[in-house]
């Protein structure tokens, strides 16, 4: 899947969406205002994105964790670990 991210000149918000996807599928991500490394920024953003994707996959599957893991292309065990880490389930 190709993804597109745009950063406004005067904002710390990033809008990310898959190319050709529905505009409703866009995700707004707030970046820290202070100067940080990519590694630090990703450490803050990745959990937010993963949590949102997990919640969406669970909604799409009626909370079927096995099917959600397949949609997310991760193992069932990884999904369970992430659910526990993010207090999602």
PDB file of N, CA and C in Angstrom:
ATOM      1  N   UNK A   1       0.840  -1.158   0.000  1.00  0.00           N
ATOM      2  CA  UNK A   1       0.000   0.000   0.000  1.00  0.00           C
ATOM      3  C   UNK A   1       0.892   1.230   0.000  1.00  0.00           C
ATOM      4  N   UNK A   2       0.592   2.162  -0.877  1.00  0.00           N
ATOM      5  CA  UNK A   2       1.306   3.423  -0.888  1.00  0.00           C
ATOM      6  C   UNK A   2       0.629   4.370   0.070  1.00  0.00           C
ATOM      7  N   UNK A   3       1.424   5.165   0.770  1.00  0.00           N
ATOM      8  CA  UNK A   3       0.863   6.114   1.724  1.00  0.00           C
ATOM      9  C   UNK A   3       1.369   7.500   1.403  1.00  0.00           C
ATOM     10  N   UNK A   4       0.615   8.488   1.786  1.00  0.00           N
ATOM     11  CA  UNK A   4       0.951   9.867   1.540  1.00  0.00           C
ATOM     12  C   UNK A   4       0.815  10.616   2.845  1.00  0.00           C
ATOM     13  N   UNK A   5       1.815  11.414   3.176  1.00  0.00           N
ATOM     14  CA  UNK A   5       1.751  12.245   4.374  1.00  0.00           C
ATOM     15  C   UNK A   5       2.089  13.670   3.977  1.00  0.00           C
ATOM     16  N   UNK A   6       1.351  14.625   4.522  1.00  0.00           N
ATOM     17  CA  UNK A   6       1.617  16.020   4.234  1.00  0.00           C
ATOM     18  C   UNK A   6       1.811  16.769   5.533  1.00  0.00           C
ATOM     19  N   UNK A   7       2.702  17.744   5.512  1.00  0.00           N
ATOM     20  CA  UNK A   7       2.998  18.546   6.695  1.00  0.00           C
ATOM     21  C   UNK A   7       2.774  19.993   6.332  1.00  0.00           C
ATOM     22  N   UNK A   8       1.933  20.668   7.083  1.00  0.00           N
ATOM     23  CA  UNK A   8       1.683  22.083   6.848  1.00  0.00           C
ATOM     24  C   UNK A   8       2.862  22.937   7.287  1.00  0.00           C
ATOM     25  N   UNK A   9       3.054  24.087   6.642  1.00  0.00           N
ATOM     26  CA  UNK A   9       4.166  24.970   6.953  1.00  0.00           C
ATOM     27  C   UNK A   9       4.041  25.601   8.337  1.00  0.00           C
ATOM     28  N   UNK A  10       2.827  25.880   8.784  1.00  0.00           N
ATOM     29  CA  UNK A  10       2.644  26.603  10.038  1.00  0.00           C
ATOM     30  C   UNK A  10       2.078  25.735  11.144  1.00  0.00           C
ATOM     31  N   UNK A  11       1.992  24.445  10.917  1.00  0.00           N
ATOM     32  CA  UNK A  11       1.345  23.561  11.882  1.00  0.00           C
ATOM     33  C   UNK A  11       2.252  22.404  12.245  1.00  0.00           C
ATOM     34  N   UNK A  12       1.992  21.811  13.391  1.00  0.00           N
ATOM     35  CA  UNK A  12       2.701  20.609  13.803  1.00  0.00           C
ATOM     36  C   UNK A  12       1.853  19.378  13.536  1.00  0.00           C
ATOM     37  N   UNK A  13       0.821  19.518  12.712  1.00  0.00           N
ATOM     38  CA  UNK A  13      -0.056  18.402  12.392  1.00  0.00           C
ATOM     39  C   UNK A  13       0.334  17.781  11.067  1.00  0.00           C
ATOM     40  N   UNK A  14       0.256  16.473  11.016  1.00  0.00           N
ATOM     41  CA  UNK A  14       0.516  15.728   9.792  1.00  0.00           C
ATOM     42  C   UNK A  14      -0.770  15.018   9.427  1.00  0.00           C
ATOM     43  N   UNK A  15      -1.145  15.100   8.166  1.00  0.00           N
ATOM     44  CA  UNK A  15      -2.291  14.372   7.662  1.00  0.00           C
ATOM     45  C   UNK A  15      -1.766  13.210   6.845  1.00  0.00           C
ATOM     46  N   UNK A  16      -2.169  12.004   7.187  1.00  0.00           N
ATOM     47  CA  UNK A  16      -1.670  10.819   6.483  1.00  0.00           C
ATOM     48  C   UNK A  16      -2.841  10.013   5.963  1.00  0.00           C
ATOM     49  N   UNK A  17      -2.702   9.531   4.734  1.00  0.00           N
ATOM     50  CA  UNK A  17      -3.730   8.671   4.163  1.00  0.00           C
ATOM     51  C   UNK A  17      -3.098   7.787   3.108  1.00  0.00           C
ATOM     52  N   UNK A  18      -3.750   6.691   2.830  1.00  0.00           N
ATOM     53  CA  UNK A  18      -3.291   5.811   1.756  1.00  0.00           C
ATOM     54  C   UNK A  18      -3.668   6.444   0.431  1.00  0.00           C
ATOM     55  N   UNK A  19      -2.823   6.327  -0.562  1.00  0.00           N
ATOM     56  CA  UNK A  19      -3.107   6.879  -1.891  1.00  0.00           C
ATOM     57  C   UNK A  19      -4.378   6.248  -2.439  1.00  0.00           C
ATOM     58  N   UNK A  20      -5.276   7.078  -2.916  1.00  0.00           N
ATOM     59  CA  UNK A  20      -6.511   6.585  -3.495  1.00  0.00           C
ATOM     60  C   UNK A  20      -7.545   6.162  -2.463  1.00  0.00           C
ATOM     61  N   UNK A  21      -7.298   6.449  -1.194  1.00  0.00           N
ATOM     62  CA  UNK A  21      -8.249   6.026  -0.161  1.00  0.00           C
ATOM     63  C   UNK A  21      -9.327   7.076   0.045  1.00  0.00           C
ATOM     64  N   UNK A  22     -10.354   6.684   0.727  1.00  0.00           N
ATOM     65  CA  UNK A  22     -11.447   7.562   1.085  1.00  0.00           C
ATOM     66  C   UNK A  22     -10.923   8.657   2.005  1.00  0.00           C
ATOM     67  N   UNK A  23     -11.308   9.931   1.792  1.00  0.00           N
ATOM     68  CA  UNK A  23     -10.838  11.010   2.665  1.00  0.00           C
ATOM     69  C   UNK A  23     -11.173  10.779   4.136  1.00  0.00           C
ATOM     70  N   UNK A  24     -12.203   9.998   4.425  1.00  0.00           N
ATOM     71  CA  UNK A  24     -12.551   9.714   5.813  1.00  0.00           C
ATOM     72  C   UNK A  24     -11.501   8.842   6.484  1.00  0.00           C
ATOM     73  N   UNK A  25     -10.665   8.180   5.695  1.00  0.00           N
ATOM     74  CA  UNK A  25      -9.636   7.306   6.233  1.00  0.00           C
ATOM     75  C   UNK A  25      -8.385   8.059   6.637  1.00  0.00           C
ATOM     76  N   UNK A  26      -8.387   9.384   6.512  1.00  0.00           N
ATOM     77  CA  UNK A  26      -7.217  10.165   6.879  1.00  0.00           C
ATOM     78  C   UNK A  26      -7.047  10.183   8.388  1.00  0.00           C
ATOM     79  N   UNK A  27      -5.797  10.300   8.804  1.00  0.00           N
ATOM     80  CA  UNK A  27      -5.473  10.333  10.222  1.00  0.00           C
ATOM     81  C   UNK A  27      -4.675  11.597  10.511  1.00  0.00           C
ATOM     82  N   UNK A  28      -5.062  12.336  11.514  1.00  0.00           N
ATOM     83  CA  UNK A  28      -4.329  13.519  11.924  1.00  0.00           C
ATOM     84  C   UNK A  28      -3.386  13.132  13.054  1.00  0.00           C
ATOM     85  N   UNK A  29      -2.128  13.498  12.913  1.00  0.00           N
ATOM     86  CA  UNK A  29      -1.116  13.188  13.913  1.00  0.00           C
ATOM     87  C   UNK A  29      -0.455  14.482  14.333  1.00  0.00           C
ATOM     88  N   UNK A  30      -0.428  14.759  15.617  1.00  0.00           N
ATOM     89  CA  UNK A  30       0.239  15.955  16.117  1.00  0.00           C
ATOM     90  C   UNK A  30       1.678  15.624  16.448  1.00  0.00           C
ATOM     91  N   UNK A  31       2.574  16.428  15.898  1.00  0.00           N
ATOM     92  CA  UNK A  31       3.991  16.252  16.173  1.00  0.00           C
ATOM     93  C   UNK A  31       4.409  17.199  17.293  1.00  0.00           C
ATOM     94  N   UNK A  32       5.413  16.835  18.071  1.00  0.00           N
ATOM     95  CA  UNK A  32       5.886  17.718  19.129  1.00  0.00           C
ATOM     96  C   UNK A  32       6.405  19.028  18.549  1.00  0.00           C
ATOM     97  N   UNK A  33       6.194  20.124  19.252  1.00  0.00           N
ATOM     98  CA  UNK A  33       6.631  21.422  18.755  1.00  0.00           C
ATOM     99  C   UNK A  33       8.138  21.615  18.895  1.00  0.00           C
ATOM    100  N   UNK A  34       8.748  20.947  19.874  1.00  0.00           N
ATOM    101  CA  UNK A  34      10.191  21.064  20.039  1.00  0.00           C
ATOM    102  C   UNK A  34      10.904  20.221  18.984  1.00  0.00           C
ATOM    103  N   UNK A  35      12.135  20.567  18.706  1.00  0.00           N
ATOM    104  CA  UNK A  35      12.924  19.814  17.735  1.00  0.00           C
ATOM    105  C   UNK A  35      13.292  18.461  18.324  1.00  0.00           C
ATOM    106  N   UNK A  36      12.923  17.407  17.599  1.00  0.00           N
ATOM    107  CA  UNK A  36      13.238  16.050  18.042  1.00  0.00           C
ATOM    108  C   UNK A  36      13.758  15.254  16.862  1.00  0.00           C
ATOM    109  N   UNK A  37      14.397  14.168  17.165  1.00  0.00           N
ATOM    110  CA  UNK A  37      14.871  13.288  16.102  1.00  0.00           C
ATOM    111  C   UNK A  37      13.715  12.476  15.541  1.00  0.00           C
ATOM    112  N   UNK A  38      13.923  11.910  14.370  1.00  0.00           N
ATOM    113  CA  UNK A  38      12.909  11.041  13.767  1.00  0.00           C
ATOM    114  C   UNK A  38      12.610   9.875  14.705  1.00  0.00           C
ATOM    115  N   UNK A  39      13.645   9.329  15.301  1.00  0.00           N
ATOM    116  CA  UNK A  39      13.482   8.194  16.207  1.00  0.00           C
ATOM    117  C   UNK A  39      12.567   8.561  17.375  1.00  0.00           C
ATOM    118  N   UNK A  40      12.777   9.748  17.966  1.00  0.00           N
ATOM    119  CA  UNK A  40      11.939  10.181  19.089  1.00  0.00           C
ATOM    120  C   UNK A  40      10.509  10.449  18.639  1.00  0.00           C
ATOM    121  N   UNK A  41      10.358  11.085  17.476  1.00  0.00           N
ATOM    122  CA  UNK A  41       9.021  11.375  16.972  1.00  0.00           C
ATOM    123  C   UNK A  41       8.251  10.094  16.687  1.00  0.00           C
ATOM    124  N   UNK A  42       8.918   9.120  16.062  1.00  0.00           N
ATOM    125  CA  UNK A  42       8.253   7.851  15.752  1.00  0.00           C
ATOM    126  C   UNK A  42       7.877   7.092  17.022  1.00  0.00           C
ATOM    127  N   UNK A  43       8.718   7.180  18.041  1.00  0.00           N
ATOM    128  CA  UNK A  43       8.416   6.505  19.308  1.00  0.00           C
ATOM    129  C   UNK A  43       7.142   7.060  19.931  1.00  0.00           C
ATOM    130  N   UNK A  44       6.820   8.299  19.633  1.00  0.00           N
ATOM    131  CA  UNK A  44       5.591   8.904  20.158  1.00  0.00           C
ATOM    132  C   UNK A  44       4.389   8.626  19.270  1.00  0.00           C
ATOM    133  N   UNK A  45       4.610   8.576  17.957  1.00  0.00           N
ATOM    134  CA  UNK A  45       3.511   8.475  17.005  1.00  0.00           C
ATOM    135  C   UNK A  45       3.078   7.033  16.753  1.00  0.00           C
ATOM    136  N   UNK A  46       4.008   6.115  16.662  1.00  0.00           N
ATOM    137  CA  UNK A  46       3.686   4.728  16.304  1.00  0.00           C
ATOM    138  C   UNK A  46       2.646   4.103  17.240  1.00  0.00           C
ATOM    139  N   UNK A  47       2.767   4.246  18.558  1.00  0.00           N
ATOM    140  CA  UNK A  47       1.731   3.656  19.416  1.00  0.00           C
ATOM    141  C   UNK A  47       0.332   4.214  19.145  1.00  0.00           C
ATOM    142  N   UNK A  48       0.234   5.507  18.837  1.00  0.00           N
ATOM    143  CA  UNK A  48      -1.068   6.097  18.525  1.00  0.00           C
ATOM    144  C   UNK A  48      -1.654   5.488  17.261  1.00  0.00           C
ATOM    145  N   UNK A  49      -0.827   5.349  16.234  1.00  0.00           N
ATOM    146  CA  UNK A  49      -1.281   4.807  14.959  1.00  0.00           C
ATOM    147  C   UNK A  49      -1.648   3.332  15.115  1.00  0.00           C
ATOM    148  N   UNK A  50      -0.791   2.556  15.770  1.00  0.00           N
ATOM    149  CA  UNK A  50      -1.083   1.131  15.965  1.00  0.00           C
ATOM    150  C   UNK A  50      -2.378   0.942  16.736  1.00  0.00           C
ATOM    151  N   UNK A  51      -2.560   1.718  17.793  1.00  0.00           N
ATOM    152  CA  UNK A  51      -3.767   1.602  18.601  1.00  0.00           C
ATOM    153  C   UNK A  51      -5.015   1.899  17.767  1.00  0.00           C
ATOM    154  N   UNK A  52      -4.960   2.956  16.953  1.00  0.00           N
ATOM    155  CA  UNK A  52      -6.100   3.311  16.106  1.00  0.00           C
ATOM    156  C   UNK A  52      -6.393   2.215  15.080  1.00  0.00           C
ATOM    157  N   UNK A  53      -5.339   1.648  14.490  1.00  0.00           N
ATOM    158  CA  UNK A  53      -5.536   0.582  13.507  1.00  0.00           C
ATOM    159  C   UNK A  53      -6.097  -0.677  14.154  1.00  0.00           C
ATOM    160  N   UNK A  54      -5.638  -1.002  15.337  1.00  0.00           N
ATOM    161  CA  UNK A  54      -6.142  -2.170  16.054  1.00  0.00           C
ATOM    162  C   UNK A  54      -7.620  -1.988  16.376  1.00  0.00           C
ATOM    163  N   UNK A  55      -7.982  -0.818  16.886  1.00  0.00           N
ATOM    164  CA  UNK A  55      -9.389  -0.555  17.214  1.00  0.00           C
ATOM    165  C   UNK A  55     -10.261  -0.676  15.975  1.00  0.00           C
ATOM    166  N   UNK A  56      -9.774  -0.156  14.850  1.00  0.00           N
ATOM    167  CA  UNK A  56     -10.550  -0.221  13.613  1.00  0.00           C
ATOM    168  C   UNK A  56     -10.701  -1.665  13.136  1.00  0.00           C
ATOM    169  N   UNK A  57      -9.621  -2.433  13.187  1.00  0.00           N
ATOM    170  CA  UNK A  57      -9.692  -3.840  12.763  1.00  0.00           C
ATOM    171  C   UNK A  57     -10.655  -4.622  13.645  1.00  0.00           C
ATOM    172  N   UNK A  58     -10.643  -4.351  14.936  1.00  0.00           N
ATOM    173  CA  UNK A  58     -11.566  -5.040  15.839  1.00  0.00           C
ATOM    174  C   UNK A  58     -13.014  -4.654  15.551  1.00  0.00           C
ATOM    175  N   UNK A  59     -13.242  -3.383  15.227  1.00  0.00           N
ATOM    176  CA  UNK A  59     -14.593  -2.953  14.862  1.00  0.00           C
ATOM    177  C   UNK A  59     -15.060  -3.663  13.590  1.00  0.00           C
ATOM    178  N   UNK A  60     -14.173  -3.752  12.604  1.00  0.00           N
ATOM    179  CA  UNK A  60     -14.525  -4.387  11.327  1.00  0.00           C
ATOM    180  C   UNK A  60     -14.817  -5.872  11.467  1.00  0.00           C
ATOM    181  N   UNK A  61     -14.208  -6.508  12.462  1.00  0.00           N
ATOM    182  CA  UNK A  61     -14.368  -7.957  12.633  1.00  0.00           C
ATOM    183  C   UNK A  61     -15.309  -8.321  13.772  1.00  0.00           C
ATOM    184  N   UNK A  62     -15.992  -7.351  14.334  1.00  0.00           N
ATOM    185  CA  UNK A  62     -16.877  -7.648  15.461  1.00  0.00           C
ATOM    186  C   UNK A  62     -16.112  -8.178  16.659  1.00  0.00           C
ATOM    187  N   UNK A  63     -14.920  -7.610  16.881  1.00  0.00           N
ATOM    188  CA  UNK A  63     -14.029  -7.974  17.995  1.00  0.00           C
ATOM    189  C   UNK A  63     -13.449  -9.387  17.886  1.00  0.00           C
ATOM    190  N   UNK A  64     -13.407  -9.916  16.671  1.00  0.00           N
ATOM    191  CA  UNK A  64     -12.772 -11.214  16.453  1.00  0.00           C
ATOM    192  C   UNK A  64     -11.267 -10.968  16.326  1.00  0.00           C
ATOM    193  N   UNK A  65     -10.527 -11.337  17.348  1.00  0.00           N
ATOM    194  CA  UNK A  65      -9.095 -11.038  17.403  1.00  0.00           C
ATOM    195  C   UNK A  65      -8.284 -11.796  16.360  1.00  0.00           C
ATOM    196  N   UNK A  66      -8.681 -13.012  16.053  1.00  0.00           N
ATOM    197  CA  UNK A  66      -7.961 -13.795  15.041  1.00  0.00           C
ATOM    198  C   UNK A  66      -8.090 -13.144  13.674  1.00  0.00           C
ATOM    199  N   UNK A  67      -9.306 -12.758  13.303  1.00  0.00           N
ATOM    200  CA  UNK A  67      -9.518 -12.095  12.011  1.00  0.00           C
ATOM    201  C   UNK A  67      -8.878 -10.708  11.994  1.00  0.00           C
ATOM    202  N   UNK A  68      -8.931 -10.000  13.106  1.00  0.00           N
ATOM    203  CA  UNK A  68      -8.299  -8.673  13.180  1.00  0.00           C
ATOM    204  C   UNK A  68      -6.795  -8.791  12.957  1.00  0.00           C
ATOM    205  N   UNK A  69      -6.174  -9.792  13.554  1.00  0.00           N
ATOM    206  CA  UNK A  69      -4.735 -10.001  13.369  1.00  0.00           C
ATOM    207  C   UNK A  69      -4.414 -10.265  11.905  1.00  0.00           C
ATOM    208  N   UNK A  70      -5.263 -11.035  11.227  1.00  0.00           N
ATOM    209  CA  UNK A  70      -5.036 -11.305   9.802  1.00  0.00           C
ATOM    210  C   UNK A  70      -5.156 -10.032   8.980  1.00  0.00           C
ATOM    211  N   UNK A  71      -6.153  -9.210   9.284  1.00  0.00           N
ATOM    212  CA  UNK A  71      -6.319  -7.936   8.582  1.00  0.00           C
ATOM    213  C   UNK A  71      -5.092  -7.048   8.798  1.00  0.00           C
ATOM    214  N   UNK A  72      -4.591  -7.026  10.025  1.00  0.00           N
ATOM    215  CA  UNK A  72      -3.439  -6.190  10.369  1.00  0.00           C
ATOM    216  C   UNK A  72      -2.116  -6.783   9.884  1.00  0.00           C
ATOM    217  N   UNK A  73      -2.179  -8.038   9.431  1.00  0.00           N
ATOM    218  CA  UNK A  73      -0.997  -8.768   8.962  1.00  0.00           C
ATOM    219  C   UNK A  73       0.054  -8.909  10.063  1.00  0.00           C
ATOM    220  N   UNK A  74      -0.439  -9.257  11.261  1.00  0.00           N
ATOM    221  CA  UNK A  74       0.432  -9.569  12.390  1.00  0.00           C
ATOM    222  C   UNK A  74      -0.056 -10.877  12.998  1.00  0.00           C
ATOM    223  N   UNK A  75       0.774 -11.491  13.820  1.00  0.00           N
ATOM    224  CA  UNK A  75       0.356 -12.732  14.458  1.00  0.00           C
ATOM    225  C   UNK A  75      -0.699 -12.450  15.529  1.00  0.00           C
ATOM    226  N   UNK A  76      -1.476 -13.472  15.829  1.00  0.00           N
ATOM    227  CA  UNK A  76      -2.476 -13.355  16.886  1.00  0.00           C
ATOM    228  C   UNK A  76      -1.800 -12.998  18.201  1.00  0.00           C
ATOM    229  N   UNK A  77      -0.669 -13.620  18.464  1.00  0.00           N
ATOM    230  CA  UNK A  77       0.084 -13.357  19.694  1.00  0.00           C
ATOM    231  C   UNK A  77       0.536 -11.886  19.760  1.00  0.00           C
ATOM    232  N   UNK A  78       0.997 -11.341  18.633  1.00  0.00           N
ATOM    233  CA  UNK A  78       1.403  -9.925  18.596  1.00  0.00           C
ATOM    234  C   UNK A  78       0.222  -9.014  18.879  1.00  0.00           C
ATOM    235  N   UNK A  79      -0.924  -9.359  18.323  1.00  0.00           N
ATOM    236  CA  UNK A  79      -2.119  -8.564  18.575  1.00  0.00           C
ATOM    237  C   UNK A  79      -2.461  -8.574  20.059  1.00  0.00           C
ATOM    238  N   UNK A  80      -2.433  -9.740  20.667  1.00  0.00           N
ATOM    239  CA  UNK A  80      -2.738  -9.820  22.100  1.00  0.00           C
ATOM    240  C   UNK A  80      -1.759  -8.996  22.924  1.00  0.00           C
ATOM    241  N   UNK A  81      -0.478  -9.041  22.565  1.00  0.00           N
ATOM    242  CA  UNK A  81       0.531  -8.251  23.267  1.00  0.00           C
ATOM    243  C   UNK A  81       0.250  -6.754  23.119  1.00  0.00           C
ATOM    244  N   UNK A  82      -0.081  -6.328  21.901  1.00  0.00           N
ATOM    245  CA  UNK A  82      -0.356  -4.913  21.661  1.00  0.00           C
ATOM    246  C   UNK A  82      -1.631  -4.471  22.380  1.00  0.00           C
ATOM    247  N   UNK A  83      -2.631  -5.323  22.403  1.00  0.00           N
ATOM    248  CA  UNK A  83      -3.859  -4.991  23.140  1.00  0.00           C
ATOM    249  C   UNK A  83      -3.558  -4.747  24.614  1.00  0.00           C
ATOM    250  N   UNK A  84      -2.718  -5.596  25.171  1.00  0.00           N
ATOM    251  CA  UNK A  84      -2.341  -5.444  26.571  1.00  0.00           C
ATOM    252  C   UNK A  84      -1.495  -4.178  26.757  1.00  0.00           C
ATOM    253  N   UNK A  85      -0.549  -3.936  25.866  1.00  0.00           N
ATOM    254  CA  UNK A  85       0.334  -2.768  25.965  1.00  0.00           C
ATOM    255  C   UNK A  85      -0.418  -1.456  25.878  1.00  0.00           C
ATOM    256  N   UNK A  86      -1.407  -1.406  24.980  1.00  0.00           N
ATOM    257  CA  UNK A  86      -2.143  -0.170  24.751  1.00  0.00           C
ATOM    258  C   UNK A  86      -3.443  -0.103  25.543  1.00  0.00           C
ATOM    259  N   UNK A  87      -3.678  -1.084  26.410  1.00  0.00           N
ATOM    260  CA  UNK A  87      -4.897  -1.150  27.214  1.00  0.00           C
ATOM    261  C   UNK A  87      -6.154  -1.047  26.338  1.00  0.00           C
ATOM    262  N   UNK A  88      -6.121  -1.767  25.222  1.00  0.00           N
ATOM    263  CA  UNK A  88      -7.254  -1.743  24.280  1.00  0.00           C
ATOM    264  C   UNK A  88      -8.243  -2.876  24.527  1.00  0.00           C
ATOM    265  N   UNK A  89      -7.851  -3.858  25.255  1.00  0.00           N
ATOM    266  CA  UNK A  89      -8.764  -4.986  25.355  1.00  0.00           C
ATOM    267  C   UNK A  89      -8.399  -5.822  26.474  1.00  0.00           C
TER     268      UNK A  89
END
